[in-house]
C-alpha atoms as a PDB file:
ATOM      1  CA  MET A   1      69.886 -27.896  95.483  1.00  0.00           C
ATOM      2  CA  ARG A   2      69.131 -25.458  97.438  1.00  0.00           C
ATOM      3  CA  ILE A   3      71.651 -22.897  96.779  1.00  0.00           C
ATOM      4  CA  ALA A   4      69.832 -23.209  93.107  1.00  0.00           C
ATOM      5  CA  LEU A   5      66.253 -22.709  94.086  1.00  0.00           C
ATOM      6  CA  LEU A   6      67.961 -19.876  95.771  1.00  0.00           C
ATOM      7  CA  SER A   7      69.226 -18.442  92.942  1.00  0.00           C
ATOM      8  CA  LYS A   8      66.458 -19.277  90.825  1.00  0.00           C
ATOM      9  CA  GLU A   9      64.355 -17.100  93.120  1.00  0.00           C
ATOM     10  CA  LEU A  10      66.742 -14.215  93.080  1.00  0.00           C
ATOM     11  CA  ARG A  11      67.015 -14.080  89.795  1.00  0.00           C
ATOM     12  CA  GLU A  12      63.221 -14.689  88.556  1.00  0.00           C
ATOM     13  CA  CYS A  13      62.377 -11.002  91.322  1.00  0.00           C
ATOM     14  CA  ALA A  14      65.404  -8.936  90.157  1.00  0.00           C
ATOM     15  CA  LEU A  15      63.495  -7.519  87.822  1.00  0.00           C
ATOM     16  CA  TYR A  16      60.674  -5.463  90.857  1.00  0.00           C
ATOM     17  CA  ALA A  17      64.093  -5.726  93.223  1.00  0.00           C
ATOM     18  CA  CYS A  18      66.160  -3.152  90.222  1.00  0.00           C
ATOM     19  CA  LEU A  19      63.110  -1.679  90.083  1.00  0.00           C
ATOM     20  CA  ALA A  20      61.570  -0.816  93.631  1.00  0.00           C
ATOM     21  CA  LEU A  21      65.679  -0.058  94.210  1.00  0.00           C
ATOM     22  CA  LEU A  22      65.785   2.629  91.377  1.00  0.00           C
ATOM     23  CA  VAL A  23      62.872   4.682  93.267  1.00  0.00           C
ATOM     24  CA  GLN A  24      64.392   4.592  96.187  1.00  0.00           C
ATOM     25  CA  ILE A  25      67.350   5.479  94.983  1.00  0.00           C
ATOM     26  CA  HIS A  26      65.921   9.076  93.785  1.00  0.00           C
ATOM     27  CA  TYR A  27      63.033   9.437  97.095  1.00  0.00           C
ATOM     28  CA  LEU A  28      66.290   8.841  99.101  1.00  0.00           C
ATOM     29  CA  GLY A  29      69.061  10.316  97.047  1.00  0.00           C
ATOM     30  CA  ALA A  30      66.244  13.393  96.984  1.00  0.00           C
ATOM     31  CA  GLY A  31      66.781  13.606 100.815  1.00  0.00           C
ATOM     32  CA  MET A  32      70.259  13.725 100.831  1.00  0.00           C
ATOM     33  CA  GLY A  33      70.018  16.614  97.100  1.00  0.00           C
ATOM     34  CA  LEU A  34      71.124  13.857  95.205  1.00  0.00           C
ATOM     35  CA  PRO A  35      67.957  12.584  93.280  1.00  0.00           C
ATOM     36  CA  LEU A  36      68.227  10.487  90.790  1.00  0.00           C
ATOM     37  CA  ILE A  37      66.199  12.950  88.313  1.00  0.00           C
ATOM     38  CA  PRO A  38      66.991  16.315  89.636  1.00  0.00           C
ATOM     39  CA  PHE A  39      63.653  17.890  87.297  1.00  0.00           C
ATOM     40  CA  LEU A  40      61.657  15.085  89.602  1.00  0.00           C
ATOM     41  CA  ASP A  41      62.638  16.868  93.118  1.00  0.00           C
ATOM     42  CA  ALA A  42      62.673  20.028  92.889  1.00  0.00           C
ATOM     43  CA  GLY A  43      61.646  22.674  95.330  1.00  0.00           C
ATOM     44  CA  ARG A  44      61.356  20.401  98.311  1.00  0.00           C
ATOM     45  CA  GLY A  45      63.199  22.983  99.908  1.00  0.00           C
ATOM     46  CA  PHE A  46      65.211  21.550 102.869  1.00  0.00           C
ATOM     47  CA  GLU A  47      64.821  18.726 105.521  1.00  0.00           C
ATOM     48  CA  ILE A  48      65.566  17.411 108.451  1.00  0.00           C
ATOM     49  CA  PRO A  49      66.207  14.145 107.718  1.00  0.00           C
ATOM     50  CA  PHE A  50      64.154  12.130 109.887  1.00  0.00           C
ATOM     51  CA  LEU A  51      61.661  13.849 111.733  1.00  0.00           C
ATOM     52  CA  ALA A  52      58.163  13.928 110.708  1.00  0.00           C
ATOM     53  CA  ASN A  53      57.001  16.996 110.600  1.00  0.00           C
ATOM     54  CA  ASN A  54      59.392  17.450 108.015  1.00  0.00           C
ATOM     55  CA  ASN A  55      59.735  14.848 106.652  1.00  0.00           C
ATOM     56  CA  SER A  56      56.302  12.702 106.426  1.00  0.00           C
ATOM     57  CA  GLY A  57      56.065  12.816 102.828  1.00  0.00           C
ATOM     58  CA  ARG A  58      59.692  11.314 102.264  1.00  0.00           C
ATOM     59  CA  GLU A  59      58.695   8.967 104.746  1.00  0.00           C
ATOM     60  CA  THR A  60      55.172   8.125 103.189  1.00  0.00           C
ATOM     61  CA  THR A  61      56.825   7.358 100.035  1.00  0.00           C
ATOM     62  CA  PHE A  62      59.565   4.775 101.132  1.00  0.00           C
ATOM     63  CA  THR A  63      56.757   3.099 102.612  1.00  0.00           C
ATOM     64  CA  MET A  64      54.397   2.848  99.980  1.00  0.00           C
ATOM     65  CA  ILE A  65      57.338   1.591  97.525  1.00  0.00           C
ATOM     66  CA  VAL A  66      58.422  -1.030  99.933  1.00  0.00           C
ATOM     67  CA  ILE A  67      54.817  -2.181 100.479  1.00  0.00           C
ATOM     68  CA  VAL A  68      53.911  -2.688  96.320  1.00  0.00           C
ATOM     69  CA  ALA A  69      57.982  -4.776  96.027  1.00  0.00           C
ATOM     70  CA  ALA A  70      56.888  -6.790  99.138  1.00  0.00           C
ATOM     71  CA  ILE A  71      53.401  -7.513  97.226  1.00  0.00           C
ATOM     72  CA  ALA A  72      54.587  -7.763  94.250  1.00  0.00           C
ATOM     73  CA  PHE A  73      58.225 -10.568  95.623  1.00  0.00           C
ATOM     74  CA  GLY A  74      55.261 -12.228  97.350  1.00  0.00           C
ATOM     75  CA  LEU A  75      52.161 -13.008  94.384  1.00  0.00           C
ATOM     76  CA  HIS A  76      55.285 -13.940  91.712  1.00  0.00           C
ATOM     77  CA  GLN A  77      56.077 -16.369  94.083  1.00  0.00           C
ATOM     78  CA  SER A  78      54.096 -17.915  94.806  1.00  0.00           C
ATOM     79  CA  VAL A  79      51.269 -18.031  92.171  1.00  0.00           C
ATOM     80  CA  TRP A  80      53.691 -17.180  88.950  1.00  0.00           C
ATOM     81  CA  GLU A  81      54.791 -20.903  89.773  1.00  0.00           C
ATOM     82  CA  SER A  82      51.012 -22.066  89.530  1.00  0.00           C
ATOM     83  CA  TRP A  83      50.624 -20.261  86.181  1.00  0.00           C
ATOM     84  CA  ARG A  84      53.726 -21.726  84.346  1.00  0.00           C
ATOM     85  CA  GLN A  85      52.711 -24.987  86.311  1.00  0.00           C
ATOM     86  CA  THR A  86      56.555 -24.927  87.321  1.00  0.00           C
ATOM     87  CA  ALA A  87      54.811 -26.674  91.300  1.00  0.00           C
ATOM     88  CA  LEU A  88      54.943 -30.056  90.609  1.00  0.00           C
ATOM     89  CA  PHE A  89      58.298 -29.607  89.199  1.00  0.00           C
ATOM     90  CA  LEU A  90      60.232 -28.278  91.921  1.00  0.00           C
ATOM     91  CA  LEU A  91      57.966 -29.826  94.109  1.00  0.00           C
ATOM     92  CA  HIS A  92      59.677 -32.824  92.779  1.00  0.00           C
ATOM     93  CA  ARG A  93      63.019 -32.191  93.873  1.00  0.00           C
ATOM     94  CA  PRO A  94      64.659 -33.983  96.342  1.00  0.00           C
ATOM     95  CA  LEU A  95      64.234 -31.493  99.265  1.00  0.00           C
ATOM     96  CA  PRO A  96      61.546 -31.673 101.582  1.00  0.00           C
ATOM     97  CA  GLN A  97      58.618 -29.892 101.216  1.00  0.00           C
ATOM     98  CA  SER A  98      58.611 -27.462 103.665  1.00  0.00           C
ATOM     99  CA  GLN A  99      62.379 -26.338 103.084  1.00  0.00           C
ATOM    100  CA  ILE A 100      61.666 -25.589  99.262  1.00  0.00           C
ATOM    101  CA  PHE A 101      59.385 -23.104 100.621  1.00  0.00           C
ATOM    102  CA  LEU A 102      61.363 -21.728 103.173  1.00  0.00           C
ATOM    103  CA  THR A 103      64.332 -21.118 100.655  1.00  0.00           C
ATOM    104  CA  LYS A 104      61.690 -19.563  98.294  1.00  0.00           C
ATOM    105  CA  LEU A 105      61.004 -17.280 101.824  1.00  0.00           C
ATOM    106  CA  ALA A 106      64.392 -17.037 101.727  1.00  0.00           C
ATOM    107  CA  ALA A 107      65.090 -15.005  98.607  1.00  0.00           C
ATOM    108  CA  GLY A 108      62.573 -12.427  99.060  1.00  0.00           C
ATOM    109  CA  GLY A 109      63.185 -11.572 102.566  1.00  0.00           C
ATOM    110  CA  LEU A 110      66.700 -10.991 100.976  1.00  0.00           C
ATOM    111  CA  LEU A 111      65.559  -8.954  98.026  1.00  0.00           C
ATOM    112  CA  LEU A 112      63.274  -6.553 100.591  1.00  0.00           C
ATOM    113  CA  LEU A 113      65.959  -6.172 102.860  1.00  0.00           C
ATOM    114  CA  GLY A 114      67.826  -5.082  99.585  1.00  0.00           C
ATOM    115  CA  VAL A 115      65.509  -2.469  98.999  1.00  0.00           C
ATOM    116  CA  SER A 116      64.204  -1.641 101.877  1.00  0.00           C
ATOM    117  CA  ALA A 117      66.865  -1.828 105.314  1.00  0.00           C
ATOM    118  CA  LEU A 118      69.638  -1.725 103.025  1.00  0.00           C
ATOM    119  CA  PRO A 119      69.147   1.960 101.378  1.00  0.00           C
ATOM    120  CA  LEU A 120      67.474   3.072 104.476  1.00  0.00           C
ATOM    121  CA  LEU A 121      70.946   2.227 106.428  1.00  0.00           C
ATOM    122  CA  VAL A 122      72.728   4.496 104.346  1.00  0.00           C
ATOM    123  CA  TYR A 123      70.057   7.412 104.477  1.00  0.00           C
ATOM    124  CA  SER A 124      70.473   6.622 108.085  1.00  0.00           C
ATOM    125  CA  LEU A 125      74.129   6.596 108.093  1.00  0.00           C
ATOM    126  CA  TRP A 126      74.736   9.744 106.180  1.00  0.00           C
ATOM    127  CA  ALA A 127      72.327  11.498 108.270  1.00  0.00           C
ATOM    128  CA  ALA A 128      74.701  10.378 111.343  1.00  0.00           C
ATOM    129  CA  THR A 129      77.646  11.765 108.948  1.00  0.00           C
ATOM    130  CA  PRO A 130      78.899  15.195 110.916  1.00  0.00           C
ATOM    131  CA  GLY A 131      79.344  17.876 108.227  1.00  0.00           C
ATOM    132  CA  THR A 132      76.428  16.298 105.832  1.00  0.00           C
ATOM    133  CA  HIS A 133      73.387  18.598 107.164  1.00  0.00           C
ATOM    134  CA  ALA A 134      73.013  21.760 109.258  1.00  0.00           C
ATOM    135  CA  SER A 135      70.556  20.032 111.986  1.00  0.00           C
ATOM    136  CA  PRO A 136      70.636  17.415 114.737  1.00  0.00           C
ATOM    137  CA  PHE A 137      70.571  13.370 113.939  1.00  0.00           C
ATOM    138  CA  PHE A 138      70.182  10.662 116.771  1.00  0.00           C
ATOM    139  CA  TRP A 139      69.749   6.714 116.151  1.00  0.00           C
ATOM    140  CA  GLY A 140      65.653   7.457 117.478  1.00  0.00           C
ATOM    141  CA  MET A 141      64.324   9.461 114.694  1.00  0.00           C
ATOM    142  CA  THR A 142      64.729   6.522 112.399  1.00  0.00           C
ATOM    143  CA  ASP A 143      62.522   4.022 114.263  1.00  0.00           C
ATOM    144  CA  SER A 144      59.194   5.432 112.923  1.00  0.00           C
ATOM    145  CA  TRP A 145      61.550   4.160 109.134  1.00  0.00           C
ATOM    146  CA  TRP A 146      62.478   0.767 110.641  1.00  0.00           C
ATOM    147  CA  ARG A 147      58.732   0.213 111.135  1.00  0.00           C
ATOM    148  CA  SER A 148      57.693   0.512 107.897  1.00  0.00           C
ATOM    149  CA  VAL A 149      60.753  -2.424 106.922  1.00  0.00           C
ATOM    150  CA  GLY A 150      58.868  -4.058 109.658  1.00  0.00           C
ATOM    151  CA  ILE A 151      55.455  -3.572 107.856  1.00  0.00           C
ATOM    152  CA  ALA A 152      56.868  -4.851 104.178  1.00  0.00           C
ATOM    153  CA  VAL A 153      58.322  -8.334 105.529  1.00  0.00           C
ATOM    154  CA  ILE A 154      54.557  -8.567 107.197  1.00  0.00           C
ATOM    155  CA  CYS A 155      52.620  -8.145 103.422  1.00  0.00           C
ATOM    156  CA  TYR A 156      55.593 -10.278 102.112  1.00  0.00           C
ATOM    157  CA  LEU A 157      54.299 -12.906 103.705  1.00  0.00           C
ATOM    158  CA  GLY A 158      50.735 -12.060 103.646  1.00  0.00           C
ATOM    159  CA  ALA A 159      50.899 -12.130 100.361  1.00  0.00           C
ATOM    160  CA  PHE A 160      52.897 -15.398 100.008  1.00  0.00           C
ATOM    161  CA  LEU A 161      50.009 -16.941 101.607  1.00  0.00           C
ATOM    162  CA  THR A 162      47.505 -15.120  99.494  1.00  0.00           C
ATOM    163  CA  GLY A 163      49.198 -16.445  97.007  1.00  0.00           C
ATOM    164  CA  ILE A 164      49.570 -20.788  97.937  1.00  0.00           C
ATOM    165  CA  ARG A 165      45.972 -20.819  98.949  1.00  0.00           C
ATOM    166  CA  PRO A 166      43.658 -23.115  96.684  1.00  0.00           C
ATOM    167  CA  ALA A 167      39.986 -21.330  97.695  1.00  0.00           C
ATOM    168  CA  ARG A 168      39.044 -18.388  95.060  1.00  0.00           C
ATOM    169  CA  TRP A 169      40.895 -15.115  94.332  1.00  0.00           C
ATOM    170  CA  LEU A 170      37.020 -13.195  94.588  1.00  0.00           C
ATOM    171  CA  GLY A 171      36.530 -14.901  97.753  1.00  0.00           C
ATOM    172  CA  SER A 172      38.775 -15.511 100.729  1.00  0.00           C
ATOM    173  CA  ARG A 173      42.237 -16.287  99.561  1.00  0.00           C
ATOM    174  CA  THR A 174      42.948 -12.731  99.679  1.00  0.00           C
ATOM    175  CA  TRP A 175      42.097 -12.378 103.196  1.00  0.00           C
ATOM    176  CA  PRO A 176      45.806 -13.257 104.645  1.00  0.00           C
ATOM    177  CA  LEU A 177      47.050 -10.255 102.381  1.00  0.00           C
ATOM    178  CA  ILE A 178      44.634  -7.835 103.593  1.00  0.00           C
ATOM    179  CA  ALA A 179      44.543  -9.142 107.295  1.00  0.00           C
ATOM    180  CA  SER A 180      48.370  -8.752 107.267  1.00  0.00           C
ATOM    181  CA  VAL A 181      48.376  -5.379 106.166  1.00  0.00           C
ATOM    182  CA  VAL A 182      45.909  -3.889 108.789  1.00  0.00           C
ATOM    183  CA  LEU A 183      47.721  -6.054 111.426  1.00  0.00           C
ATOM    184  CA  ALA A 184      51.038  -4.314 109.992  1.00  0.00           C
ATOM    185  CA  LEU A 185      49.599  -0.929 109.808  1.00  0.00           C
ATOM    186  CA  GLY A 186      47.795  -0.422 112.725  1.00  0.00           C
ATOM    187  CA  LEU A 187      51.013  -2.696 114.837  1.00  0.00           C
ATOM    188  CA  LYS A 188      53.484   0.510 113.171  1.00  0.00           C
ATOM    189  CA  TYR A 189      51.274   3.610 114.711  1.00  0.00           C
ATOM    190  CA  ALA A 190      49.987   1.365 118.217  1.00  0.00           C
ATOM    191  CA  PRO A 191      51.135   3.589 121.118  1.00  0.00           C
ATOM    192  CA  ILE A 192      53.343   1.025 122.927  1.00  0.00           C
ATOM    193  CA  TRP A 193      56.981   0.673 123.935  1.00  0.00           C
ATOM    194  CA  PRO A 194      59.130   0.460 121.104  1.00  0.00           C
ATOM    195  CA  ALA A 195      60.353  -2.868 121.284  1.00  0.00           C
ATOM    196  CA  LEU A 196      56.803  -4.924 122.361  1.00  0.00           C
ATOM    197  CA  ILE A 197      56.302  -3.350 118.102  1.00  0.00           C
ATOM    198  CA  TYR A 198      59.212  -5.132 117.076  1.00  0.00           C
ATOM    199  CA  VAL A 199      58.268  -7.920 118.727  1.00  0.00           C
ATOM    200  CA  GLY A 200      55.462  -8.879 117.599  1.00  0.00           C
ATOM    201  CA  PHE A 201      56.251  -7.820 114.407  1.00  0.00           C
ATOM    202  CA  ALA A 202      58.469 -10.724 114.701  1.00  0.00           C
ATOM    203  CA  GLY A 203      55.539 -12.663 116.450  1.00  0.00           C
ATOM    204  CA  LEU A 204      53.409 -11.648 112.705  1.00  0.00           C
ATOM    205  CA  ALA A 205      56.705 -13.149 111.249  1.00  0.00           C
ATOM    206  CA  ALA A 206      56.773 -16.784 112.795  1.00  0.00           C
ATOM    207  CA  GLY A 207      52.966 -16.844 112.849  1.00  0.00           C
ATOM    208  CA  LEU A 208      52.626 -16.137 109.189  1.00  0.00           C
ATOM    209  CA  ILE A 209      55.758 -18.821 107.550  1.00  0.00           C
ATOM    210  CA  GLY A 210      54.034 -20.934 110.018  1.00  0.00           C
ATOM    211  CA  LEU A 211      51.068 -20.755 108.077  1.00  0.00           C
ATOM    212  CA  ILE A 212      52.692 -20.563 105.012  1.00  0.00           C
ATOM    213  CA  ILE A 213      54.051 -23.484 105.420  1.00  0.00           C
ATOM    214  CA  ASP A 214      51.566 -25.874 106.594  1.00  0.00           C
ATOM    215  CA  THR A 215      48.962 -24.692 103.821  1.00  0.00           C
ATOM    216  CA  ALA A 216      52.052 -26.481 101.406  1.00  0.00           C
ATOM    217  CA  GLN A 217      51.493 -29.266 102.993  1.00  0.00           C
ATOM    218  CA  ARG A 218      48.294 -29.132 102.809  1.00  0.00           C
ATOM    219  CA  ARG A 219      47.666 -27.903  99.596  1.00  0.00           C
ATOM    220  CA  GLU A 220      46.553 -30.703  97.171  1.00  0.00           C
ATOM    221  CA  TYR A 221      48.556 -29.417  93.447  1.00  0.00           C
ATOM    222  CA  PRO A 222      47.454 -30.721  90.450  1.00  0.00           C
END
């Protein structure tokens, strides 16, 4: 049952994931000199991979892509079930309600990592390979980019929580998403020890997952 639900969630969000991944392939490929659509990235000149002063535009693009994808995944997995009136069908499956929602979150998390962490890892391994570019590289240069992956995870959970809340869209329903974006961005740029930032992301994620399960169990579905 869990495998069937996981497969359903992956299929339903596959279009968003494919679109996000294609954009990532283009922009990160351009950083490696292999853009998916060459004329859209012409004239960018030489870049030192992950160097903030030379590469901030590409990092900003990467961050925006993963945030948009995260919000799309979260809202689709939560709001779409209500619009199609399939929520009750899912909730009456022979699984505890908490496991149903954790499975949905697992599917969204896998897709999100596939469009954020996986392309970033490929780009990082390329930059770390000798002979690919005439500039130094050390893994600490990728830290800011990995923080963007953390932002995406928090935004995904905030969007999911927003989607399942029984409140008005023009009222308090969007507060979890707004708060998640603000807190995640603030955490990324916080002037603290990097390890504490990742601990902060993990703590925020755990708190949001707890709120999602609690909200799902308390909500009265029509």
